[in-house]
Amino acid sequence: MSELYQKKVEESIRNFLAERFNVKKNTIQLKTSLIEDLGMDSFQSVELLYELELQYKIRIPNEALKDLKKIGDIINYICNHKTL
């Protein structure tokens, strides 16, 4: 995927998480941990996967969740699995 698409995905996810967790968008970086930094629990993780699947029209298997620990992991997953 293009760098432009990756930047759009990053911006979209940062906006979504900032709103969902009531934090400033500029505090959400690629290295931000969903669990340690944002305090996301397992239910919220599944909820996030569902939202991402809808928004990006991709399938994220539950097994992939264990590898999606940081914001950068999510962005890379989406960019690597998105079909045009």
PDB file of N, CA and C in Angstrom:
ATOM      1  N   MET A   1       0.833  -1.182   0.000  1.00  0.00           N
ATOM      2  CA  MET A   1       0.000   0.000   0.000  1.00  0.00           C
ATOM      3  C   MET A   1       0.880   1.248   0.000  1.00  0.00           C
ATOM      4  N   SER A   2       0.311   2.310  -0.466  1.00  0.00           N
ATOM      5  CA  SER A   2       1.074   3.547  -0.572  1.00  0.00           C
ATOM      6  C   SER A   2       1.257   4.206   0.792  1.00  0.00           C
ATOM      7  N   GLU A   3       2.255   5.042   0.863  1.00  0.00           N
ATOM      8  CA  GLU A   3       2.517   5.783   2.095  1.00  0.00           C
ATOM      9  C   GLU A   3       1.343   6.709   2.421  1.00  0.00           C
ATOM     10  N   LEU A   4       0.721   7.258   1.389  1.00  0.00           N
ATOM     11  CA  LEU A   4      -0.437   8.129   1.592  1.00  0.00           C
ATOM     12  C   LEU A   4      -1.579   7.355   2.247  1.00  0.00           C
ATOM     13  N   TYR A   5      -1.839   6.151   1.755  1.00  0.00           N
ATOM     14  CA  TYR A   5      -2.894   5.319   2.349  1.00  0.00           C
ATOM     15  C   TYR A   5      -2.554   4.999   3.804  1.00  0.00           C
ATOM     16  N   GLN A   6      -1.299   4.677   4.059  1.00  0.00           N
ATOM     17  CA  GLN A   6      -0.878   4.366   5.427  1.00  0.00           C
ATOM     18  C   GLN A   6      -1.093   5.565   6.350  1.00  0.00           C
ATOM     19  N   LYS A   7      -0.782   6.764   5.877  1.00  0.00           N
ATOM     20  CA  LYS A   7      -0.994   7.975   6.685  1.00  0.00           C
ATOM     21  C   LYS A   7      -2.483   8.200   6.965  1.00  0.00           C
ATOM     22  N   LYS A   8      -3.327   7.917   5.967  1.00  0.00           N
ATOM     23  CA  LYS A   8      -4.775   8.066   6.157  1.00  0.00           C
ATOM     24  C   LYS A   8      -5.289   7.072   7.194  1.00  0.00           C
ATOM     25  N   VAL A   9      -4.796   5.844   7.124  1.00  0.00           N
ATOM     26  CA  VAL A   9      -5.192   4.822   8.101  1.00  0.00           C
ATOM     27  C   VAL A   9      -4.738   5.249   9.496  1.00  0.00           C
ATOM     28  N   GLU A  10      -3.508   5.704   9.606  1.00  0.00           N
ATOM     29  CA  GLU A  10      -2.978   6.149  10.900  1.00  0.00           C
ATOM     30  C   GLU A  10      -3.825   7.286  11.479  1.00  0.00           C
ATOM     31  N   GLU A  11      -4.129   8.256  10.674  1.00  0.00           N
ATOM     32  CA  GLU A  11      -4.930   9.394  11.136  1.00  0.00           C
ATOM     33  C   GLU A  11      -6.319   8.942  11.579  1.00  0.00           C
ATOM     34  N   SER A  12      -6.927   8.079  10.812  1.00  0.00           N
ATOM     35  CA  SER A  12      -8.261   7.578  11.127  1.00  0.00           C
ATOM     36  C   SER A  12      -8.262   6.807  12.445  1.00  0.00           C
ATOM     37  N   ILE A  13      -7.289   5.946  12.646  1.00  0.00           N
ATOM     38  CA  ILE A  13      -7.209   5.160  13.877  1.00  0.00           C
ATOM     39  C   ILE A  13      -6.914   6.050  15.072  1.00  0.00           C
ATOM     40  N   ARG A  14      -6.036   7.006  14.901  1.00  0.00           N
ATOM     41  CA  ARG A  14      -5.734   7.941  15.995  1.00  0.00           C
ATOM     42  C   ARG A  14      -6.987   8.719  16.393  1.00  0.00           C
ATOM     43  N   ASN A  15      -7.745   9.177  15.417  1.00  0.00           N
ATOM     44  CA  ASN A  15      -8.988   9.906  15.714  1.00  0.00           C
ATOM     45  C   ASN A  15      -9.981   9.013  16.461  1.00  0.00           C
ATOM     46  N   PHE A  16     -10.144   7.793  15.964  1.00  0.00           N
ATOM     47  CA  PHE A  16     -11.079   6.848  16.568  1.00  0.00           C
ATOM     48  C   PHE A  16     -10.699   6.559  18.019  1.00  0.00           C
ATOM     49  N   LEU A  17      -9.427   6.234  18.255  1.00  0.00           N
ATOM     50  CA  LEU A  17      -8.992   5.887  19.607  1.00  0.00           C
ATOM     51  C   LEU A  17      -9.008   7.085  20.548  1.00  0.00           C
ATOM     52  N   ALA A  18      -8.663   8.254  20.046  1.00  0.00           N
ATOM     53  CA  ALA A  18      -8.702   9.454  20.880  1.00  0.00           C
ATOM     54  C   ALA A  18     -10.121   9.720  21.374  1.00  0.00           C
ATOM     55  N   GLU A  19     -11.066   9.554  20.483  1.00  0.00           N
ATOM     56  CA  GLU A  19     -12.461   9.761  20.860  1.00  0.00           C
ATOM     57  C   GLU A  19     -12.942   8.668  21.808  1.00  0.00           C
ATOM     58  N   ARG A  20     -12.625   7.433  21.486  1.00  0.00           N
ATOM     59  CA  ARG A  20     -13.086   6.287  22.279  1.00  0.00           C
ATOM     60  C   ARG A  20     -12.519   6.300  23.697  1.00  0.00           C
ATOM     61  N   PHE A  21     -11.237   6.680  23.841  1.00  0.00           N
ATOM     62  CA  PHE A  21     -10.585   6.626  25.145  1.00  0.00           C
ATOM     63  C   PHE A  21     -10.407   8.001  25.784  1.00  0.00           C
ATOM     64  N   ASN A  22     -10.999   8.998  25.161  1.00  0.00           N
ATOM     65  CA  ASN A  22     -10.989  10.355  25.705  1.00  0.00           C
ATOM     66  C   ASN A  22      -9.562  10.831  26.024  1.00  0.00           C
ATOM     67  N   VAL A  23      -8.692  10.680  25.030  1.00  0.00           N
ATOM     68  CA  VAL A  23      -7.318  11.158  25.163  1.00  0.00           C
ATOM     69  C   VAL A  23      -7.015  12.085  23.993  1.00  0.00           C
ATOM     70  N   LYS A  24      -5.969  12.879  24.152  1.00  0.00           N
ATOM     71  CA  LYS A  24      -5.572  13.773  23.063  1.00  0.00           C
ATOM     72  C   LYS A  24      -4.960  12.959  21.934  1.00  0.00           C
ATOM     73  N   LYS A  25      -5.351  13.309  20.723  1.00  0.00           N
ATOM     74  CA  LYS A  25      -4.896  12.582  19.539  1.00  0.00           C
ATOM     75  C   LYS A  25      -3.377  12.550  19.430  1.00  0.00           C
ATOM     76  N   ASN A  26      -2.724  13.640  19.815  1.00  0.00           N
ATOM     77  CA  ASN A  26      -1.266  13.701  19.672  1.00  0.00           C
ATOM     78  C   ASN A  26      -0.543  12.794  20.666  1.00  0.00           C
ATOM     79  N   THR A  27      -1.257  12.216  21.636  1.00  0.00           N
ATOM     80  CA  THR A  27      -0.628  11.273  22.566  1.00  0.00           C
ATOM     81  C   THR A  27      -0.639   9.849  22.001  1.00  0.00           C
ATOM     82  N   ILE A  28      -1.384   9.631  20.927  1.00  0.00           N
ATOM     83  CA  ILE A  28      -1.463   8.308  20.319  1.00  0.00           C
ATOM     84  C   ILE A  28      -0.438   8.231  19.194  1.00  0.00           C
ATOM     85  N   GLN A  29       0.582   7.440  19.446  1.00  0.00           N
ATOM     86  CA  GLN A  29       1.681   7.288  18.497  1.00  0.00           C
ATOM     87  C   GLN A  29       1.743   5.842  18.015  1.00  0.00           C
ATOM     88  N   LEU A  30       2.587   5.570  17.038  1.00  0.00           N
ATOM     89  CA  LEU A  30       2.727   4.211  16.510  1.00  0.00           C
ATOM     90  C   LEU A  30       3.112   3.212  17.594  1.00  0.00           C
ATOM     91  N   LYS A  31       3.892   3.662  18.570  1.00  0.00           N
ATOM     92  CA  LYS A  31       4.347   2.764  19.642  1.00  0.00           C
ATOM     93  C   LYS A  31       3.366   2.681  20.817  1.00  0.00           C
ATOM     94  N   THR A  32       2.265   3.410  20.749  1.00  0.00           N
ATOM     95  CA  THR A  32       1.282   3.386  21.835  1.00  0.00           C
ATOM     96  C   THR A  32       0.686   1.987  21.974  1.00  0.00           C
ATOM     97  N   SER A  33       0.724   1.470  23.198  1.00  0.00           N
ATOM     98  CA  SER A  33       0.185   0.148  23.490  1.00  0.00           C
ATOM     99  C   SER A  33      -1.304   0.251  23.798  1.00  0.00           C
ATOM    100  N   LEU A  34      -2.073  -0.646  23.185  1.00  0.00           N
ATOM    101  CA  LEU A  34      -3.516  -0.649  23.417  1.00  0.00           C
ATOM    102  C   LEU A  34      -3.840  -0.967  24.874  1.00  0.00           C
ATOM    103  N   ILE A  35      -3.124  -1.903  25.448  1.00  0.00           N
ATOM    104  CA  ILE A  35      -3.426  -2.337  26.816  1.00  0.00           C
ATOM    105  C   ILE A  35      -2.741  -1.447  27.849  1.00  0.00           C
ATOM    106  N   GLU A  36      -1.430  -1.291  27.728  1.00  0.00           N
ATOM    107  CA  GLU A  36      -0.678  -0.565  28.747  1.00  0.00           C
ATOM    108  C   GLU A  36      -0.919   0.942  28.720  1.00  0.00           C
ATOM    109  N   ASP A  37      -0.981   1.532  27.536  1.00  0.00           N
ATOM    110  CA  ASP A  37      -1.126   2.989  27.447  1.00  0.00           C
ATOM    111  C   ASP A  37      -2.584   3.447  27.426  1.00  0.00           C
ATOM    112  N   LEU A  38      -3.442   2.683  26.747  1.00  0.00           N
ATOM    113  CA  LEU A  38      -4.843   3.091  26.627  1.00  0.00           C
ATOM    114  C   LEU A  38      -5.759   2.347  27.594  1.00  0.00           C
ATOM    115  N   GLY A  39      -5.251   1.298  28.216  1.00  0.00           N
ATOM    116  CA  GLY A  39      -6.054   0.552  29.180  1.00  0.00           C
ATOM    117  C   GLY A  39      -7.166  -0.275  28.549  1.00  0.00           C
ATOM    118  N   MET A  40      -6.977  -0.679  27.310  1.00  0.00           N
ATOM    119  CA  MET A  40      -7.994  -1.445  26.602  1.00  0.00           C
ATOM    120  C   MET A  40      -8.108  -2.843  27.207  1.00  0.00           C
ATOM    121  N   ASP A  41      -9.354  -3.282  27.447  1.00  0.00           N
ATOM    122  CA  ASP A  41      -9.560  -4.643  27.931  1.00  0.00           C
ATOM    123  C   ASP A  41      -9.929  -5.546  26.752  1.00  0.00           C
ATOM    124  N   SER A  42     -10.124  -6.841  27.033  1.00  0.00           N
ATOM    125  CA  SER A  42     -10.367  -7.796  25.947  1.00  0.00           C
ATOM    126  C   SER A  42     -11.664  -7.496  25.197  1.00  0.00           C
ATOM    127  N   PHE A  43     -12.692  -7.064  25.903  1.00  0.00           N
ATOM    128  CA  PHE A  43     -13.951  -6.724  25.237  1.00  0.00           C
ATOM    129  C   PHE A  43     -13.745  -5.544  24.289  1.00  0.00           C
ATOM    130  N   GLN A  44     -13.036  -4.532  24.743  1.00  0.00           N
ATOM    131  CA  GLN A  44     -12.769  -3.368  23.900  1.00  0.00           C
ATOM    132  C   GLN A  44     -11.907  -3.739  22.699  1.00  0.00           C
ATOM    133  N   SER A  45     -11.017  -4.700  22.875  1.00  0.00           N
ATOM    134  CA  SER A  45     -10.177  -5.156  21.766  1.00  0.00           C
ATOM    135  C   SER A  45     -11.025  -5.792  20.670  1.00  0.00           C
ATOM    136  N   VAL A  46     -11.962  -6.641  21.070  1.00  0.00           N
ATOM    137  CA  VAL A  46     -12.850  -7.286  20.103  1.00  0.00           C
ATOM    138  C   VAL A  46     -13.719  -6.236  19.426  1.00  0.00           C
ATOM    139  N   GLU A  47     -14.195  -5.286  20.203  1.00  0.00           N
ATOM    140  CA  GLU A  47     -14.999  -4.181  19.669  1.00  0.00           C
ATOM    141  C   GLU A  47     -14.201  -3.397  18.626  1.00  0.00           C
ATOM    142  N   LEU A  48     -12.941  -3.117  18.936  1.00  0.00           N
ATOM    143  CA  LEU A  48     -12.075  -2.389  18.013  1.00  0.00           C
ATOM    144  C   LEU A  48     -11.900  -3.176  16.719  1.00  0.00           C
ATOM    145  N   LEU A  49     -11.652  -4.480  16.832  1.00  0.00           N
ATOM    146  CA  LEU A  49     -11.501  -5.309  15.633  1.00  0.00           C
ATOM    147  C   LEU A  49     -12.736  -5.229  14.751  1.00  0.00           C
ATOM    148  N   TYR A  50     -13.889  -5.304  15.369  1.00  0.00           N
ATOM    149  CA  TYR A  50     -15.141  -5.231  14.623  1.00  0.00           C
ATOM    150  C   TYR A  50     -15.258  -3.892  13.889  1.00  0.00           C
ATOM    151  N   GLU A  51     -14.961  -2.806  14.575  1.00  0.00           N
ATOM    152  CA  GLU A  51     -15.014  -1.471  13.966  1.00  0.00           C
ATOM    153  C   GLU A  51     -14.036  -1.366  12.794  1.00  0.00           C
ATOM    154  N   LEU A  52     -12.839  -1.906  12.975  1.00  0.00           N
ATOM    155  CA  LEU A  52     -11.838  -1.853  11.910  1.00  0.00           C
ATOM    156  C   LEU A  52     -12.264  -2.689  10.707  1.00  0.00           C
ATOM    157  N   GLU A  53     -12.840  -3.850  10.975  1.00  0.00           N
ATOM    158  CA  GLU A  53     -13.326  -4.691   9.879  1.00  0.00           C
ATOM    159  C   GLU A  53     -14.392  -3.969   9.064  1.00  0.00           C
ATOM    160  N   LEU A  54     -15.290  -3.308   9.755  1.00  0.00           N
ATOM    161  CA  LEU A  54     -16.341  -2.563   9.048  1.00  0.00           C
ATOM    162  C   LEU A  54     -15.770  -1.401   8.249  1.00  0.00           C
ATOM    163  N   GLN A  55     -14.924  -0.629   8.892  1.00  0.00           N
ATOM    164  CA  GLN A  55     -14.398   0.573   8.252  1.00  0.00           C
ATOM    165  C   GLN A  55     -13.502   0.254   7.064  1.00  0.00           C
ATOM    166  N   TYR A  56     -12.654  -0.762   7.199  1.00  0.00           N
ATOM    167  CA  TYR A  56     -11.669  -1.043   6.154  1.00  0.00           C
ATOM    168  C   TYR A  56     -12.035  -2.232   5.275  1.00  0.00           C
ATOM    169  N   LYS A  57     -13.200  -2.815   5.543  1.00  0.00           N
ATOM    170  CA  LYS A  57     -13.697  -3.938   4.739  1.00  0.00           C
ATOM    171  C   LYS A  57     -12.660  -5.052   4.609  1.00  0.00           C
ATOM    172  N   ILE A  58     -12.134  -5.420   5.775  1.00  0.00           N
ATOM    173  CA  ILE A  58     -11.188  -6.520   5.845  1.00  0.00           C
ATOM    174  C   ILE A  58     -11.664  -7.486   6.923  1.00  0.00           C
ATOM    175  N   ARG A  59     -11.087  -8.661   6.926  1.00  0.00           N
ATOM    176  CA  ARG A  59     -11.381  -9.657   7.952  1.00  0.00           C
ATOM    177  C   ARG A  59     -10.157  -9.767   8.850  1.00  0.00           C
ATOM    178  N   ILE A  60     -10.372  -9.581  10.159  1.00  0.00           N
ATOM    179  CA  ILE A  60      -9.288  -9.726  11.126  1.00  0.00           C
ATOM    180  C   ILE A  60      -9.653 -10.905  12.032  1.00  0.00           C
ATOM    181  N   PRO A  61      -8.989 -12.042  11.845  1.00  0.00           N
ATOM    182  CA  PRO A  61      -9.315 -13.187  12.688  1.00  0.00           C
ATOM    183  C   PRO A  61      -8.947 -12.932  14.148  1.00  0.00           C
ATOM    184  N   ASN A  62      -9.693 -13.542  15.053  1.00  0.00           N
ATOM    185  CA  ASN A  62      -9.429 -13.355  16.479  1.00  0.00           C
ATOM    186  C   ASN A  62      -8.001 -13.735  16.847  1.00  0.00           C
ATOM    187  N   GLU A  63      -7.434 -14.713  16.119  1.00  0.00           N
ATOM    188  CA  GLU A  63      -6.060 -15.135  16.402  1.00  0.00           C
ATOM    189  C   GLU A  63      -5.063 -14.004  16.151  1.00  0.00           C
ATOM    190  N   ALA A  64      -5.393 -13.096  15.258  1.00  0.00           N
ATOM    191  CA  ALA A  64      -4.491 -11.989  14.935  1.00  0.00           C
ATOM    192  C   ALA A  64      -4.414 -10.978  16.075  1.00  0.00           C
ATOM    193  N   LEU A  65      -5.401 -10.994  16.932  1.00  0.00           N
ATOM    194  CA  LEU A  65      -5.470 -10.025  18.025  1.00  0.00           C
ATOM    195  C   LEU A  65      -4.221 -10.055  18.907  1.00  0.00           C
ATOM    196  N   LYS A  66      -3.674 -11.243  19.131  1.00  0.00           N
ATOM    197  CA  LYS A  66      -2.493 -11.357  19.994  1.00  0.00           C
ATOM    198  C   LYS A  66      -1.278 -10.628  19.422  1.00  0.00           C
ATOM    199  N   ASP A  67      -1.274 -10.397  18.111  1.00  0.00           N
ATOM    200  CA  ASP A  67      -0.158  -9.702  17.472  1.00  0.00           C
ATOM    201  C   ASP A  67      -0.398  -8.208  17.296  1.00  0.00           C
ATOM    202  N   LEU A  68      -1.595  -7.758  17.596  1.00  0.00           N
ATOM    203  CA  LEU A  68      -1.940  -6.343  17.416  1.00  0.00           C
ATOM    204  C   LEU A  68      -1.912  -5.641  18.766  1.00  0.00           C
ATOM    205  N   LYS A  69      -0.721  -5.383  19.248  1.00  0.00           N
ATOM    206  CA  LYS A  69      -0.555  -4.815  20.590  1.00  0.00           C
ATOM    207  C   LYS A  69      -0.360  -3.298  20.589  1.00  0.00           C
ATOM    208  N   LYS A  70       0.166  -2.793  19.500  1.00  0.00           N
ATOM    209  CA  LYS A  70       0.453  -1.357  19.402  1.00  0.00           C
ATOM    210  C   LYS A  70      -0.261  -0.769  18.191  1.00  0.00           C
ATOM    211  N   ILE A  71      -0.398   0.531  18.185  1.00  0.00           N
ATOM    212  CA  ILE A  71      -1.078   1.218  17.090  1.00  0.00           C
ATOM    213  C   ILE A  71      -0.396   0.902  15.760  1.00  0.00           C
ATOM    214  N   GLY A  72       0.919   0.895  15.754  1.00  0.00           N
ATOM    215  CA  GLY A  72       1.660   0.583  14.534  1.00  0.00           C
ATOM    216  C   GLY A  72       1.357  -0.815  14.005  1.00  0.00           C
ATOM    217  N   ASP A  73       1.135  -1.768  14.924  1.00  0.00           N
ATOM    218  CA  ASP A  73       0.783  -3.131  14.513  1.00  0.00           C
ATOM    219  C   ASP A  73      -0.544  -3.146  13.765  1.00  0.00           C
ATOM    220  N   ILE A  74      -1.505  -2.389  14.258  1.00  0.00           N
ATOM    221  CA  ILE A  74      -2.822  -2.324  13.628  1.00  0.00           C
ATOM    222  C   ILE A  74      -2.722  -1.703  12.246  1.00  0.00           C
ATOM    223  N   ILE A  75      -1.997  -0.604  12.151  1.00  0.00           N
ATOM    224  CA  ILE A  75      -1.850   0.093  10.869  1.00  0.00           C
ATOM    225  C   ILE A  75      -1.178  -0.822   9.845  1.00  0.00           C
ATOM    226  N   ASN A  76      -0.111  -1.492  10.264  1.00  0.00           N
ATOM    227  CA  ASN A  76       0.582  -2.413   9.354  1.00  0.00           C
ATOM    228  C   ASN A  76      -0.337  -3.549   8.918  1.00  0.00           C
ATOM    229  N   TYR A  77      -1.109  -4.091   9.843  1.00  0.00           N
ATOM    230  CA  TYR A  77      -2.016  -5.183   9.502  1.00  0.00           C
ATOM    231  C   TYR A  77      -3.022  -4.722   8.453  1.00  0.00           C
ATOM    232  N   ILE A  78      -3.637  -3.586   8.702  1.00  0.00           N
ATOM    233  CA  ILE A  78      -4.639  -3.070   7.758  1.00  0.00           C
ATOM    234  C   ILE A  78      -4.022  -2.827   6.389  1.00  0.00           C
ATOM    235  N   CYS A  79      -2.878  -2.172   6.368  1.00  0.00           N
ATOM    236  CA  CYS A  79      -2.231  -1.853   5.088  1.00  0.00           C
ATOM    237  C   CYS A  79      -1.779  -3.107   4.341  1.00  0.00           C
ATOM    238  N   ASN A  80      -1.398  -4.147   5.064  1.00  0.00           N
ATOM    239  CA  ASN A  80      -0.934  -5.378   4.431  1.00  0.00           C
ATOM    240  C   ASN A  80      -2.067  -6.321   4.023  1.00  0.00           C
ATOM    241  N   HIS A  81      -3.279  -6.083   4.510  1.00  0.00           N
ATOM    242  CA  HIS A  81      -4.395  -6.978   4.223  1.00  0.00           C
ATOM    243  C   HIS A  81      -5.531  -6.318   3.432  1.00  0.00           C
ATOM    244  N   LYS A  82      -5.389  -5.072   3.148  1.00  0.00           N
ATOM    245  CA  LYS A  82      -6.413  -4.345   2.395  1.00  0.00           C
ATOM    246  C   LYS A  82      -6.278  -4.663   0.913  1.00  0.00           C
ATOM    247  N   THR A  83      -7.393  -4.992   0.309  1.00  0.00           N
ATOM    248  CA  THR A  83      -7.394  -5.188  -1.136  1.00  0.00           C
ATOM    249  C   THR A  83      -8.093  -4.007  -1.790  1.00  0.00           C
ATOM    250  N   LEU A  84      -7.626  -3.653  -2.938  1.00  0.00           N
ATOM    251  CA  LEU A  84      -8.224  -2.505  -3.646  1.00  0.00           C
ATOM    252  C   LEU A  84      -9.373  -2.934  -4.511  1.00  0.00           C
TER     253      LEU A  84
END
